[in-house]
Amino acid sequence: MTNTRERQPDTDRETKPQASGLNPEECRLRDSVVRNFTDREGRLKSLPTQLKKKLIVLEHLVDGLDPERAYEESEINAYIRLYHEDYATIRREFIVQGFMSRDREIYRRNPRSAARRWEELS
């Protein structure tokens, strides 16, 4: 298995709005949701049920995956397990919400424009 830990999501990030394309309010919301749903080690405490918060957390997790490479299902499972034991649910949400695509057992990260946009939800 290729090392998927090389690009772990940064749980300490406080992204500047201009760097992320988000306005300051969106940055604060995103950072707050990530802090509230992850522990000190960056592991996910639970997957939010509210769609907007769920999308923020999924985006945060998928940011640790290289958009230029294909992953075997076992690699995606191992990566997700670094953050939460229910890798099947999170893997499925990556697909359903458009963050990743799957061709048999090969997974690829989609461009951000293909995923559901939490910023567009009220």
PDB file of N, CA and C in Angstrom:
ATOM      1  N   MET A   1       0.844  -1.185   0.000  1.00  0.00           N
ATOM      2  CA  MET A   1       0.000   0.000   0.000  1.00  0.00           C
ATOM      3  C   MET A   1       0.883   1.239   0.000  1.00  0.00           C
ATOM      4  N   THR A   2       0.526   2.194  -0.797  1.00  0.00           N
ATOM      5  CA  THR A   2       1.234   3.465  -0.838  1.00  0.00           C
ATOM      6  C   THR A   2       0.915   4.254   0.417  1.00  0.00           C
ATOM      7  N   ASN A   3       1.867   5.020   0.872  1.00  0.00           N
ATOM      8  CA  ASN A   3       1.688   5.807   2.092  1.00  0.00           C
ATOM      9  C   ASN A   3       0.670   6.915   1.863  1.00  0.00           C
ATOM     10  N   THR A   4      -0.501   6.797   2.458  1.00  0.00           N
ATOM     11  CA  THR A   4      -1.534   7.826   2.326  1.00  0.00           C
ATOM     12  C   THR A   4      -1.471   8.831   3.456  1.00  0.00           C
ATOM     13  N   ARG A   5      -0.544   8.653   4.383  1.00  0.00           N
ATOM     14  CA  ARG A   5      -0.444   9.580   5.511  1.00  0.00           C
ATOM     15  C   ARG A   5       0.330  10.840   5.149  1.00  0.00           C
ATOM     16  N   GLU A   6       0.927  10.867   3.961  1.00  0.00           N
ATOM     17  CA  GLU A   6       1.791  11.979   3.612  1.00  0.00           C
ATOM     18  C   GLU A   6       1.060  13.311   3.548  1.00  0.00           C
ATOM     19  N   ARG A   7      -0.228  13.316   3.314  1.00  0.00           N
ATOM     20  CA  ARG A   7      -0.974  14.560   3.174  1.00  0.00           C
ATOM     21  C   ARG A   7      -2.187  14.567   4.088  1.00  0.00           C
ATOM     22  N   GLN A   8      -1.984  14.404   5.357  1.00  0.00           N
ATOM     23  CA  GLN A   8      -3.101  14.395   6.294  1.00  0.00           C
ATOM     24  C   GLN A   8      -3.776  15.756   6.323  1.00  0.00           C
ATOM     25  N   PRO A   9      -5.097  15.763   6.473  1.00  0.00           N
ATOM     26  CA  PRO A   9      -5.781  17.046   6.631  1.00  0.00           C
ATOM     27  C   PRO A   9      -5.201  17.799   7.814  1.00  0.00           C
ATOM     28  N   ASP A  10      -5.065  19.081   7.674  1.00  0.00           N
ATOM     29  CA  ASP A  10      -4.484  19.922   8.720  1.00  0.00           C
ATOM     30  C   ASP A  10      -5.581  20.389   9.659  1.00  0.00           C
ATOM     31  N   THR A  11      -5.631  19.798  10.848  1.00  0.00           N
ATOM     32  CA  THR A  11      -6.680  20.159  11.802  1.00  0.00           C
ATOM     33  C   THR A  11      -6.396  21.475  12.498  1.00  0.00           C
ATOM     34  N   ASP A  12      -5.179  21.986  12.376  1.00  0.00           N
ATOM     35  CA  ASP A  12      -4.832  23.245  13.029  1.00  0.00           C
ATOM     36  C   ASP A  12      -4.921  24.436  12.088  1.00  0.00           C
ATOM     37  N   ARG A  13      -5.357  24.184  10.856  1.00  0.00           N
ATOM     38  CA  ARG A  13      -5.334  25.276   9.894  1.00  0.00           C
ATOM     39  C   ARG A  13      -6.373  26.335  10.219  1.00  0.00           C
ATOM     40  N   GLU A  14      -5.992  27.535  10.023  1.00  0.00           N
ATOM     41  CA  GLU A  14      -6.896  28.677  10.060  1.00  0.00           C
ATOM     42  C   GLU A  14      -6.638  29.364   8.726  1.00  0.00           C
ATOM     43  N   THR A  15      -7.256  28.870   7.677  1.00  0.00           N
ATOM     44  CA  THR A  15      -6.974  29.319   6.328  1.00  0.00           C
ATOM     45  C   THR A  15      -7.394  30.758   6.116  1.00  0.00           C
ATOM     46  N   LYS A  16      -6.534  31.482   5.449  1.00  0.00           N
ATOM     47  CA  LYS A  16      -6.863  32.853   5.087  1.00  0.00           C
ATOM     48  C   LYS A  16      -7.923  32.817   3.994  1.00  0.00           C
ATOM     49  N   PRO A  17      -8.925  33.680   4.068  1.00  0.00           N
ATOM     50  CA  PRO A  17     -10.004  33.662   3.086  1.00  0.00           C
ATOM     51  C   PRO A  17      -9.520  33.728   1.645  1.00  0.00           C
ATOM     52  N   GLN A  18      -8.577  34.604   1.333  1.00  0.00           N
ATOM     53  CA  GLN A  18      -8.145  34.743  -0.048  1.00  0.00           C
ATOM     54  C   GLN A  18      -7.447  33.485  -0.561  1.00  0.00           C
ATOM     55  N   ALA A  19      -6.811  32.722   0.298  1.00  0.00           N
ATOM     56  CA  ALA A  19      -6.124  31.499  -0.116  1.00  0.00           C
ATOM     57  C   ALA A  19      -7.108  30.375  -0.406  1.00  0.00           C
ATOM     58  N   SER A  20      -8.242  30.362   0.248  1.00  0.00           N
ATOM     59  CA  SER A  20      -9.196  29.268   0.106  1.00  0.00           C
ATOM     60  C   SER A  20     -10.349  29.587  -0.835  1.00  0.00           C
ATOM     61  N   GLY A  21     -10.513  30.841  -1.198  1.00  0.00           N
ATOM     62  CA  GLY A  21     -11.653  31.234  -2.014  1.00  0.00           C
ATOM     63  C   GLY A  21     -12.913  31.430  -1.195  1.00  0.00           C
ATOM     64  N   LEU A  22     -12.807  31.335   0.113  1.00  0.00           N
ATOM     65  CA  LEU A  22     -13.948  31.509   1.008  1.00  0.00           C
ATOM     66  C   LEU A  22     -13.918  32.905   1.600  1.00  0.00           C
ATOM     67  N   ASN A  23     -15.096  33.404   1.950  1.00  0.00           N
ATOM     68  CA  ASN A  23     -15.124  34.679   2.654  1.00  0.00           C
ATOM     69  C   ASN A  23     -14.810  34.417   4.131  1.00  0.00           C
ATOM     70  N   PRO A  24     -14.516  35.461   4.910  1.00  0.00           N
ATOM     71  CA  PRO A  24     -14.129  35.252   6.312  1.00  0.00           C
ATOM     72  C   PRO A  24     -15.163  34.479   7.135  1.00  0.00           C
ATOM     73  N   GLU A  25     -16.442  34.738   6.906  1.00  0.00           N
ATOM     74  CA  GLU A  25     -17.492  34.024   7.650  1.00  0.00           C
ATOM     75  C   GLU A  25     -17.469  32.532   7.318  1.00  0.00           C
ATOM     76  N   GLU A  26     -17.294  32.195   6.033  1.00  0.00           N
ATOM     77  CA  GLU A  26     -17.227  30.792   5.630  1.00  0.00           C
ATOM     78  C   GLU A  26     -15.996  30.108   6.227  1.00  0.00           C
ATOM     79  N   CYS A  27     -14.883  30.819   6.269  1.00  0.00           N
ATOM     80  CA  CYS A  27     -13.663  30.262   6.887  1.00  0.00           C
ATOM     81  C   CYS A  27     -13.893  29.961   8.364  1.00  0.00           C
ATOM     82  N   ARG A  28     -14.525  30.888   9.058  1.00  0.00           N
ATOM     83  CA  ARG A  28     -14.794  30.678  10.492  1.00  0.00           C
ATOM     84  C   ARG A  28     -15.707  29.477  10.695  1.00  0.00           C
ATOM     85  N   LEU A  29     -16.760  29.375   9.879  1.00  0.00           N
ATOM     86  CA  LEU A  29     -17.679  28.246   9.994  1.00  0.00           C
ATOM     87  C   LEU A  29     -16.941  26.936   9.731  1.00  0.00           C
ATOM     88  N   ARG A  30     -16.203  26.875   8.637  1.00  0.00           N
ATOM     89  CA  ARG A  30     -15.471  25.654   8.296  1.00  0.00           C
ATOM     90  C   ARG A  30     -14.514  25.255   9.417  1.00  0.00           C
ATOM     91  N   ASP A  31     -13.727  26.199   9.892  1.00  0.00           N
ATOM     92  CA  ASP A  31     -12.759  25.903  10.953  1.00  0.00           C
ATOM     93  C   ASP A  31     -13.454  25.452  12.236  1.00  0.00           C
ATOM     94  N   SER A  32     -14.578  26.073  12.560  1.00  0.00           N
ATOM     95  CA  SER A  32     -15.337  25.715  13.758  1.00  0.00           C
ATOM     96  C   SER A  32     -15.899  24.296  13.652  1.00  0.00           C
ATOM     97  N   VAL A  33     -16.461  23.962  12.500  1.00  0.00           N
ATOM     98  CA  VAL A  33     -17.028  22.622  12.310  1.00  0.00           C
ATOM     99  C   VAL A  33     -15.926  21.568  12.417  1.00  0.00           C
ATOM    100  N   VAL A  34     -14.804  21.808  11.765  1.00  0.00           N
ATOM    101  CA  VAL A  34     -13.700  20.843  11.826  1.00  0.00           C
ATOM    102  C   VAL A  34     -13.227  20.669  13.266  1.00  0.00           C
ATOM    103  N   ARG A  35     -13.071  21.763  13.989  1.00  0.00           N
ATOM    104  CA  ARG A  35     -12.648  21.674  15.404  1.00  0.00           C
ATOM    105  C   ARG A  35     -13.662  20.905  16.245  1.00  0.00           C
ATOM    106  N   ASN A  36     -14.952  21.172  16.030  1.00  0.00           N
ATOM    107  CA  ASN A  36     -15.994  20.534  16.840  1.00  0.00           C
ATOM    108  C   ASN A  36     -16.151  19.040  16.566  1.00  0.00           C
ATOM    109  N   PHE A  37     -15.812  18.601  15.363  1.00  0.00           N
ATOM    110  CA  PHE A  37     -16.035  17.201  15.006  1.00  0.00           C
ATOM    111  C   PHE A  37     -14.760  16.362  14.976  1.00  0.00           C
ATOM    112  N   THR A  38     -13.621  16.960  15.346  1.00  0.00           N
ATOM    113  CA  THR A  38     -12.385  16.186  15.422  1.00  0.00           C
ATOM    114  C   THR A  38     -11.785  16.317  16.818  1.00  0.00           C
ATOM    115  N   ASP A  39     -11.023  15.296  17.199  1.00  0.00           N
ATOM    116  CA  ASP A  39     -10.353  15.351  18.500  1.00  0.00           C
ATOM    117  C   ASP A  39      -8.958  15.958  18.337  1.00  0.00           C
ATOM    118  N   ARG A  40      -8.193  15.960  19.408  1.00  0.00           N
ATOM    119  CA  ARG A  40      -6.858  16.578  19.381  1.00  0.00           C
ATOM    120  C   ARG A  40      -5.911  15.908  18.392  1.00  0.00           C
ATOM    121  N   GLU A  41      -6.126  14.632  18.136  1.00  0.00           N
ATOM    122  CA  GLU A  41      -5.281  13.898  17.190  1.00  0.00           C
ATOM    123  C   GLU A  41      -5.769  14.039  15.754  1.00  0.00           C
ATOM    124  N   GLY A  42      -6.862  14.760  15.562  1.00  0.00           N
ATOM    125  CA  GLY A  42      -7.398  14.944  14.217  1.00  0.00           C
ATOM    126  C   GLY A  42      -8.365  13.864  13.784  1.00  0.00           C
ATOM    127  N   ARG A  43      -8.673  12.924  14.695  1.00  0.00           N
ATOM    128  CA  ARG A  43      -9.640  11.870  14.360  1.00  0.00           C
ATOM    129  C   ARG A  43     -11.056  12.414  14.450  1.00  0.00           C
ATOM    130  N   LEU A  44     -11.890  11.901  13.602  1.00  0.00           N
ATOM    131  CA  LEU A  44     -13.283  12.307  13.557  1.00  0.00           C
ATOM    132  C   LEU A  44     -14.031  11.712  14.743  1.00  0.00           C
ATOM    133  N   LYS A  45     -14.676  12.566  15.541  1.00  0.00           N
ATOM    134  CA  LYS A  45     -15.474  12.085  16.681  1.00  0.00           C
ATOM    135  C   LYS A  45     -16.746  11.422  16.178  1.00  0.00           C
ATOM    136  N   SER A  46     -17.384  12.051  15.211  1.00  0.00           N
ATOM    137  CA  SER A  46     -18.586  11.508  14.587  1.00  0.00           C
ATOM    138  C   SER A  46     -18.797  12.232  13.270  1.00  0.00           C
ATOM    139  N   LEU A  47     -19.543  11.603  12.386  1.00  0.00           N
ATOM    140  CA  LEU A  47     -19.890  12.234  11.120  1.00  0.00           C
ATOM    141  C   LEU A  47     -21.147  13.066  11.355  1.00  0.00           C
ATOM    142  N   PRO A  48     -21.094  14.355  11.061  1.00  0.00           N
ATOM    143  CA  PRO A  48     -22.274  15.195  11.304  1.00  0.00           C
ATOM    144  C   PRO A  48     -23.493  14.693  10.531  1.00  0.00           C
ATOM    145  N   THR A  49     -24.664  14.896  11.102  1.00  0.00           N
ATOM    146  CA  THR A  49     -25.895  14.535  10.407  1.00  0.00           C
ATOM    147  C   THR A  49     -26.403  15.688   9.552  1.00  0.00           C
ATOM    148  N   GLN A  50     -26.149  16.912   9.974  1.00  0.00           N
ATOM    149  CA  GLN A  50     -26.561  18.075   9.181  1.00  0.00           C
ATOM    150  C   GLN A  50     -25.715  18.104   7.903  1.00  0.00           C
ATOM    151  N   LEU A  51     -26.369  18.195   6.747  1.00  0.00           N
ATOM    152  CA  LEU A  51     -25.687  18.092   5.464  1.00  0.00           C
ATOM    153  C   LEU A  51     -24.550  19.094   5.314  1.00  0.00           C
ATOM    154  N   LYS A  52     -24.779  20.334   5.639  1.00  0.00           N
ATOM    155  CA  LYS A  52     -23.746  21.353   5.462  1.00  0.00           C
ATOM    156  C   LYS A  52     -22.488  21.003   6.259  1.00  0.00           C
ATOM    157  N   LYS A  53     -22.671  20.610   7.505  1.00  0.00           N
ATOM    158  CA  LYS A  53     -21.526  20.243   8.348  1.00  0.00           C
ATOM    159  C   LYS A  53     -20.867  18.955   7.851  1.00  0.00           C
ATOM    160  N   LYS A  54     -21.681  18.010   7.385  1.00  0.00           N
ATOM    161  CA  LYS A  54     -21.137  16.764   6.845  1.00  0.00           C
ATOM    162  C   LYS A  54     -20.244  17.057   5.638  1.00  0.00           C
ATOM    163  N   LEU A  55     -20.695  17.939   4.754  1.00  0.00           N
ATOM    164  CA  LEU A  55     -19.903  18.287   3.578  1.00  0.00           C
ATOM    165  C   LEU A  55     -18.590  18.959   3.966  1.00  0.00           C
ATOM    166  N   ILE A  56     -18.628  19.800   4.979  1.00  0.00           N
ATOM    167  CA  ILE A  56     -17.400  20.453   5.459  1.00  0.00           C
ATOM    168  C   ILE A  56     -16.407  19.402   5.948  1.00  0.00           C
ATOM    169  N   VAL A  57     -16.879  18.453   6.740  1.00  0.00           N
ATOM    170  CA  VAL A  57     -16.002  17.409   7.279  1.00  0.00           C
ATOM    171  C   VAL A  57     -15.475  16.512   6.158  1.00  0.00           C
ATOM    172  N   LEU A  58     -16.333  16.130   5.226  1.00  0.00           N
ATOM    173  CA  LEU A  58     -15.887  15.289   4.115  1.00  0.00           C
ATOM    174  C   LEU A  58     -14.839  16.009   3.273  1.00  0.00           C
ATOM    175  N   GLU A  59     -15.068  17.282   3.007  1.00  0.00           N
ATOM    176  CA  GLU A  59     -14.097  18.074   2.251  1.00  0.00           C
ATOM    177  C   GLU A  59     -12.757  18.110   2.992  1.00  0.00           C
ATOM    178  N   HIS A  60     -12.827  18.303   4.287  1.00  0.00           N
ATOM    179  CA  HIS A  60     -11.617  18.329   5.115  1.00  0.00           C
ATOM    180  C   HIS A  60     -10.849  17.010   4.998  1.00  0.00           C
ATOM    181  N   LEU A  61     -11.554  15.899   5.068  1.00  0.00           N
ATOM    182  CA  LEU A  61     -10.902  14.591   4.982  1.00  0.00           C
ATOM    183  C   LEU A  61     -10.332  14.328   3.589  1.00  0.00           C
ATOM    184  N   VAL A  62     -11.101  14.620   2.565  1.00  0.00           N
ATOM    185  CA  VAL A  62     -10.655  14.322   1.201  1.00  0.00           C
ATOM    186  C   VAL A  62      -9.484  15.214   0.784  1.00  0.00           C
ATOM    187  N   ASP A  63      -9.322  16.345   1.442  1.00  0.00           N
ATOM    188  CA  ASP A  63      -8.189  17.232   1.136  1.00  0.00           C
ATOM    189  C   ASP A  63      -6.842  16.557   1.373  1.00  0.00           C
ATOM    190  N   GLY A  64      -6.806  15.504   2.167  1.00  0.00           N
ATOM    191  CA  GLY A  64      -5.563  14.788   2.419  1.00  0.00           C
ATOM    192  C   GLY A  64      -5.187  13.800   1.330  1.00  0.00           C
ATOM    193  N   LEU A  65      -6.057  13.627   0.343  1.00  0.00           N
ATOM    194  CA  LEU A  65      -5.788  12.694  -0.748  1.00  0.00           C
ATOM    195  C   LEU A  65      -5.239  13.444  -1.958  1.00  0.00           C
ATOM    196  N   ASP A  66      -4.305  12.824  -2.636  1.00  0.00           N
ATOM    197  CA  ASP A  66      -3.678  13.416  -3.814  1.00  0.00           C
ATOM    198  C   ASP A  66      -4.665  13.402  -4.984  1.00  0.00           C
ATOM    199  N   PRO A  67      -5.006  14.564  -5.529  1.00  0.00           N
ATOM    200  CA  PRO A  67      -5.971  14.601  -6.629  1.00  0.00           C
ATOM    201  C   PRO A  67      -5.423  14.027  -7.933  1.00  0.00           C
ATOM    202  N   GLU A  68      -4.127  13.798  -7.996  1.00  0.00           N
ATOM    203  CA  GLU A  68      -3.502  13.321  -9.231  1.00  0.00           C
ATOM    204  C   GLU A  68      -3.334  11.805  -9.306  1.00  0.00           C
ATOM    205  N   ARG A  69      -3.708  11.092  -8.264  1.00  0.00           N
ATOM    206  CA  ARG A  69      -3.465   9.654  -8.317  1.00  0.00           C
ATOM    207  C   ARG A  69      -4.728   8.833  -8.111  1.00  0.00           C
ATOM    208  N   ALA A  70      -4.646   7.590  -8.562  1.00  0.00           N
ATOM    209  CA  ALA A  70      -5.721   6.620  -8.372  1.00  0.00           C
ATOM    210  C   ALA A  70      -5.398   5.808  -7.122  1.00  0.00           C
ATOM    211  N   TYR A  71      -6.443   5.489  -6.365  1.00  0.00           N
ATOM    212  CA  TYR A  71      -6.286   4.721  -5.132  1.00  0.00           C
ATOM    213  C   TYR A  71      -7.060   3.420  -5.241  1.00  0.00           C
ATOM    214  N   GLU A  72      -6.475   2.356  -4.735  1.00  0.00           N
ATOM    215  CA  GLU A  72      -7.216   1.110  -4.598  1.00  0.00           C
ATOM    216  C   GLU A  72      -8.163   1.261  -3.416  1.00  0.00           C
ATOM    217  N   GLU A  73      -9.235   0.481  -3.429  1.00  0.00           N
ATOM    218  CA  GLU A  73     -10.213   0.560  -2.341  1.00  0.00           C
ATOM    219  C   GLU A  73      -9.556   0.334  -0.984  1.00  0.00           C
ATOM    220  N   SER A  74      -8.622  -0.601  -0.921  1.00  0.00           N
ATOM    221  CA  SER A  74      -7.949  -0.876   0.355  1.00  0.00           C
ATOM    222  C   SER A  74      -7.160   0.338   0.842  1.00  0.00           C
ATOM    223  N   GLU A  75      -6.612   1.130  -0.070  1.00  0.00           N
ATOM    224  CA  GLU A  75      -5.879   2.339   0.317  1.00  0.00           C
ATOM    225  C   GLU A  75      -6.827   3.401   0.862  1.00  0.00           C
ATOM    226  N   ILE A  76      -7.975   3.549   0.220  1.00  0.00           N
ATOM    227  CA  ILE A  76      -8.975   4.511   0.704  1.00  0.00           C
ATOM    228  C   ILE A  76      -9.455   4.084   2.085  1.00  0.00           C
ATOM    229  N   ASN A  77      -9.725   2.796   2.251  1.00  0.00           N
ATOM    230  CA  ASN A  77     -10.168   2.293   3.555  1.00  0.00           C
ATOM    231  C   ASN A  77      -9.128   2.581   4.632  1.00  0.00           C
ATOM    232  N   ALA A  78      -7.862   2.317   4.334  1.00  0.00           N
ATOM    233  CA  ALA A  78      -6.790   2.551   5.308  1.00  0.00           C
ATOM    234  C   ALA A  78      -6.671   4.038   5.631  1.00  0.00           C
ATOM    235  N   TYR A  79      -6.785   4.889   4.632  1.00  0.00           N
ATOM    236  CA  TYR A  79      -6.715   6.335   4.856  1.00  0.00           C
ATOM    237  C   TYR A  79      -7.853   6.785   5.773  1.00  0.00           C
ATOM    238  N   ILE A  80      -9.075   6.365   5.462  1.00  0.00           N
ATOM    239  CA  ILE A  80     -10.228   6.781   6.264  1.00  0.00           C
ATOM    240  C   ILE A  80     -10.096   6.260   7.692  1.00  0.00           C
ATOM    241  N   ARG A  81      -9.593   5.034   7.857  1.00  0.00           N
ATOM    242  CA  ARG A  81      -9.432   4.455   9.198  1.00  0.00           C
ATOM    243  C   ARG A  81      -8.500   5.277  10.078  1.00  0.00           C
ATOM    244  N   LEU A  82      -7.626   6.067   9.476  1.00  0.00           N
ATOM    245  CA  LEU A  82      -6.778   6.967  10.267  1.00  0.00           C
ATOM    246  C   LEU A  82      -7.630   7.976  11.033  1.00  0.00           C
ATOM    247  N   TYR A  83      -8.832   8.248  10.523  1.00  0.00           N
ATOM    248  CA  TYR A  83      -9.692   9.294  11.076  1.00  0.00           C
ATOM    249  C   TYR A  83     -10.984   8.781  11.696  1.00  0.00           C
ATOM    250  N   HIS A  84     -11.453   7.596  11.259  1.00  0.00           N
ATOM    251  CA  HIS A  84     -12.711   7.067  11.793  1.00  0.00           C
ATOM    252  C   HIS A  84     -12.811   5.586  11.470  1.00  0.00           C
ATOM    253  N   GLU A  85     -13.394   4.820  12.383  1.00  0.00           N
ATOM    254  CA  GLU A  85     -13.496   3.369  12.179  1.00  0.00           C
ATOM    255  C   GLU A  85     -14.520   2.978  11.117  1.00  0.00           C
ATOM    256  N   ASP A  86     -15.520   3.814  10.856  1.00  0.00           N
ATOM    257  CA  ASP A  86     -16.553   3.470   9.876  1.00  0.00           C
ATOM    258  C   ASP A  86     -16.140   3.934   8.477  1.00  0.00           C
ATOM    259  N   TYR A  87     -15.128   3.251   7.949  1.00  0.00           N
ATOM    260  CA  TYR A  87     -14.591   3.645   6.646  1.00  0.00           C
ATOM    261  C   TYR A  87     -15.599   3.446   5.518  1.00  0.00           C
ATOM    262  N   ALA A  88     -16.483   2.456   5.633  1.00  0.00           N
ATOM    263  CA  ALA A  88     -17.435   2.182   4.552  1.00  0.00           C
ATOM    264  C   ALA A  88     -18.426   3.336   4.372  1.00  0.00           C
ATOM    265  N   THR A  89     -18.932   3.867   5.476  1.00  0.00           N
ATOM    266  CA  THR A  89     -19.877   4.988   5.389  1.00  0.00           C
ATOM    267  C   THR A  89     -19.203   6.220   4.806  1.00  0.00           C
ATOM    268  N   ILE A  90     -18.018   6.527   5.283  1.00  0.00           N
ATOM    269  CA  ILE A  90     -17.334   7.728   4.802  1.00  0.00           C
ATOM    270  C   ILE A  90     -16.928   7.556   3.338  1.00  0.00           C
ATOM    271  N   ARG A  91     -16.455   6.380   2.966  1.00  0.00           N
ATOM    272  CA  ARG A  91     -16.106   6.114   1.564  1.00  0.00           C
ATOM    273  C   ARG A  91     -17.332   6.292   0.667  1.00  0.00           C
ATOM    274  N   ARG A  92     -18.466   5.775   1.118  1.00  0.00           N
ATOM    275  CA  ARG A  92     -19.707   5.919   0.354  1.00  0.00           C
ATOM    276  C   ARG A  92     -20.103   7.390   0.235  1.00  0.00           C
ATOM    277  N   GLU A  93     -19.963   8.140   1.327  1.00  0.00           N
ATOM    278  CA  GLU A  93     -20.287   9.575   1.291  1.00  0.00           C
ATOM    279  C   GLU A  93     -19.356  10.335   0.344  1.00  0.00           C
ATOM    280  N   PHE A  94     -18.080   9.951   0.287  1.00  0.00           N
ATOM    281  CA  PHE A  94     -17.170  10.577  -0.677  1.00  0.00           C
ATOM    282  C   PHE A  94     -17.735  10.449  -2.093  1.00  0.00           C
ATOM    283  N   ILE A  95     -18.287   9.280  -2.414  1.00  0.00           N
ATOM    284  CA  ILE A  95     -18.837   9.031  -3.749  1.00  0.00           C
ATOM    285  C   ILE A  95     -20.167   9.759  -3.930  1.00  0.00           C
ATOM    286  N   VAL A  96     -21.094   9.556  -3.004  1.00  0.00           N
ATOM    287  CA  VAL A  96     -22.439  10.140  -3.106  1.00  0.00           C
ATOM    288  C   VAL A  96     -22.388  11.661  -3.199  1.00  0.00           C
ATOM    289  N   GLN A  97     -21.513  12.277  -2.431  1.00  0.00           N
ATOM    290  CA  GLN A  97     -21.445  13.744  -2.406  1.00  0.00           C
ATOM    291  C   GLN A  97     -20.528  14.302  -3.493  1.00  0.00           C
ATOM    292  N   GLY A  98     -19.950  13.447  -4.320  1.00  0.00           N
ATOM    293  CA  GLY A  98     -19.174  13.893  -5.474  1.00  0.00           C
ATOM    294  C   GLY A  98     -17.716  14.220  -5.217  1.00  0.00           C
ATOM    295  N   PHE A  99     -17.200  13.907  -4.034  1.00  0.00           N
ATOM    296  CA  PHE A  99     -15.794  14.192  -3.744  1.00  0.00           C
ATOM    297  C   PHE A  99     -14.853  13.220  -4.453  1.00  0.00           C
ATOM    298  N   MET A 100     -15.353  12.009  -4.716  1.00  0.00           N
ATOM    299  CA  MET A 100     -14.551  10.992  -5.395  1.00  0.00           C
ATOM    300  C   MET A 100     -15.415  10.264  -6.409  1.00  0.00           C
ATOM    301  N   SER A 101     -14.746   9.634  -7.367  1.00  0.00           N
ATOM    302  CA  SER A 101     -15.430   8.748  -8.306  1.00  0.00           C
ATOM    303  C   SER A 101     -14.793   7.369  -8.186  1.00  0.00           C
ATOM    304  N   ARG A 102     -15.547   6.377  -8.607  1.00  0.00           N
ATOM    305  CA  ARG A 102     -15.082   4.999  -8.473  1.00  0.00           C
ATOM    306  C   ARG A 102     -15.306   4.265  -9.778  1.00  0.00           C
ATOM    307  N   ASP A 103     -14.313   3.517 -10.184  1.00  0.00           N
ATOM    308  CA  ASP A 103     -14.424   2.607 -11.319  1.00  0.00           C
ATOM    309  C   ASP A 103     -13.967   1.250 -10.807  1.00  0.00           C
ATOM    310  N   ARG A 104     -14.918   0.398 -10.534  1.00  0.00           N
ATOM    311  CA  ARG A 104     -14.703  -0.884  -9.869  1.00  0.00           C
ATOM    312  C   ARG A 104     -14.085  -0.635  -8.497  1.00  0.00           C
ATOM    313  N   GLU A 105     -12.832  -1.018  -8.281  1.00  0.00           N
ATOM    314  CA  GLU A 105     -12.206  -0.806  -6.969  1.00  0.00           C
ATOM    315  C   GLU A 105     -11.141   0.286  -7.016  1.00  0.00           C
ATOM    316  N   ILE A 106     -11.186   1.126  -8.037  1.00  0.00           N
ATOM    317  CA  ILE A 106     -10.233   2.225  -8.175  1.00  0.00           C
ATOM    318  C   ILE A 106     -10.969   3.538  -7.911  1.00  0.00           C
ATOM    319  N   TYR A 107     -10.409   4.316  -7.009  1.00  0.00           N
ATOM    320  CA  TYR A 107     -11.013   5.581  -6.585  1.00  0.00           C
ATOM    321  C   TYR A 107     -10.118   6.745  -6.992  1.00  0.00           C
ATOM    322  N   ARG A 108     -10.753   7.815  -7.433  1.00  0.00           N
ATOM    323  CA  ARG A 108     -10.037   9.044  -7.782  1.00  0.00           C
ATOM    324  C   ARG A 108     -10.750  10.222  -7.140  1.00  0.00           C
ATOM    325  N   ARG A 109      -9.964  11.168  -6.722  1.00  0.00           N
ATOM    326  CA  ARG A 109     -10.529  12.401  -6.170  1.00  0.00           C
ATOM    327  C   ARG A 109     -11.030  13.257  -7.329  1.00  0.00           C
ATOM    328  N   ASN A 110     -12.260  13.723  -7.220  1.00  0.00           N
ATOM    329  CA  ASN A 110     -12.841  14.595  -8.241  1.00  0.00           C
ATOM    330  C   ASN A 110     -12.373  16.028  -8.038  1.00  0.00           C
ATOM    331  N   PRO A 111     -12.444  16.837  -9.101  1.00  0.00           N
ATOM    332  CA  PRO A 111     -12.198  18.270  -8.907  1.00  0.00           C
ATOM    333  C   PRO A 111     -13.223  18.825  -7.920  1.00  0.00           C
ATOM    334  N   ARG A 112     -12.850  19.828  -7.178  1.00  0.00           N
ATOM    335  CA  ARG A 112     -13.746  20.413  -6.165  1.00  0.00           C
ATOM    336  C   ARG A 112     -15.075  20.834  -6.776  1.00  0.00           C
ATOM    337  N   SER A 113     -15.061  21.261  -8.020  1.00  0.00           N
ATOM    338  CA  SER A 113     -16.294  21.718  -8.673  1.00  0.00           C
ATOM    339  C   SER A 113     -17.310  20.596  -8.872  1.00  0.00           C
ATOM    340  N   ALA A 114     -16.887  19.339  -8.821  1.00  0.00           N
ATOM    341  CA  ALA A 114     -17.797  18.205  -9.005  1.00  0.00           C
ATOM    342  C   ALA A 114     -18.529  17.829  -7.721  1.00  0.00           C
ATOM    343  N   ALA A 115     -17.999  18.241  -6.584  1.00  0.00           N
ATOM    344  CA  ALA A 115     -18.591  17.881  -5.289  1.00  0.00           C
ATOM    345  C   ALA A 115     -19.700  18.851  -4.908  1.00  0.00           C
ATOM    346  N   ARG A 116     -20.592  18.379  -4.059  1.00  0.00           N
ATOM    347  CA  ARG A 116     -21.622  19.283  -3.512  1.00  0.00           C
ATOM    348  C   ARG A 116     -20.938  20.385  -2.742  1.00  0.00           C
ATOM    349  N   ARG A 117     -21.413  21.588  -2.886  1.00  0.00           N
ATOM    350  CA  ARG A 117     -20.792  22.764  -2.286  1.00  0.00           C
ATOM    351  C   ARG A 117     -21.531  23.151  -1.015  1.00  0.00           C
ATOM    352  N   TRP A 118     -20.874  23.006   0.121  1.00  0.00           N
ATOM    353  CA  TRP A 118     -21.501  23.376   1.392  1.00  0.00           C
ATOM    354  C   TRP A 118     -21.744  24.868   1.449  1.00  0.00           C
ATOM    355  N   GLU A 119     -20.921  25.638   0.748  1.00  0.00           N
ATOM    356  CA  GLU A 119     -21.052  27.090   0.775  1.00  0.00           C
ATOM    357  C   GLU A 119     -22.373  27.563   0.166  1.00  0.00           C
ATOM    358  N   GLU A 120     -22.986  26.716  -0.662  1.00  0.00           N
ATOM    359  CA  GLU A 120     -24.233  27.084  -1.332  1.00  0.00           C
ATOM    360  C   GLU A 120     -25.476  26.703  -0.531  1.00  0.00           C
ATOM    361  N   LEU A 121     -25.294  26.006   0.577  1.00  0.00           N
ATOM    362  CA  LEU A 121     -26.427  25.609   1.417  1.00  0.00           C
ATOM    363  C   LEU A 121     -26.690  26.676   2.468  1.00  0.00           C
ATOM    364  N   SER A 122     -27.950  26.800   2.859  1.00  0.00           N
ATOM    365  CA  SER A 122     -28.269  27.792   3.899  1.00  0.00           C
ATOM    366  C   SER A 122     -28.177  27.176   5.270  1.00  0.00           C
TER     367      SER A 122
END
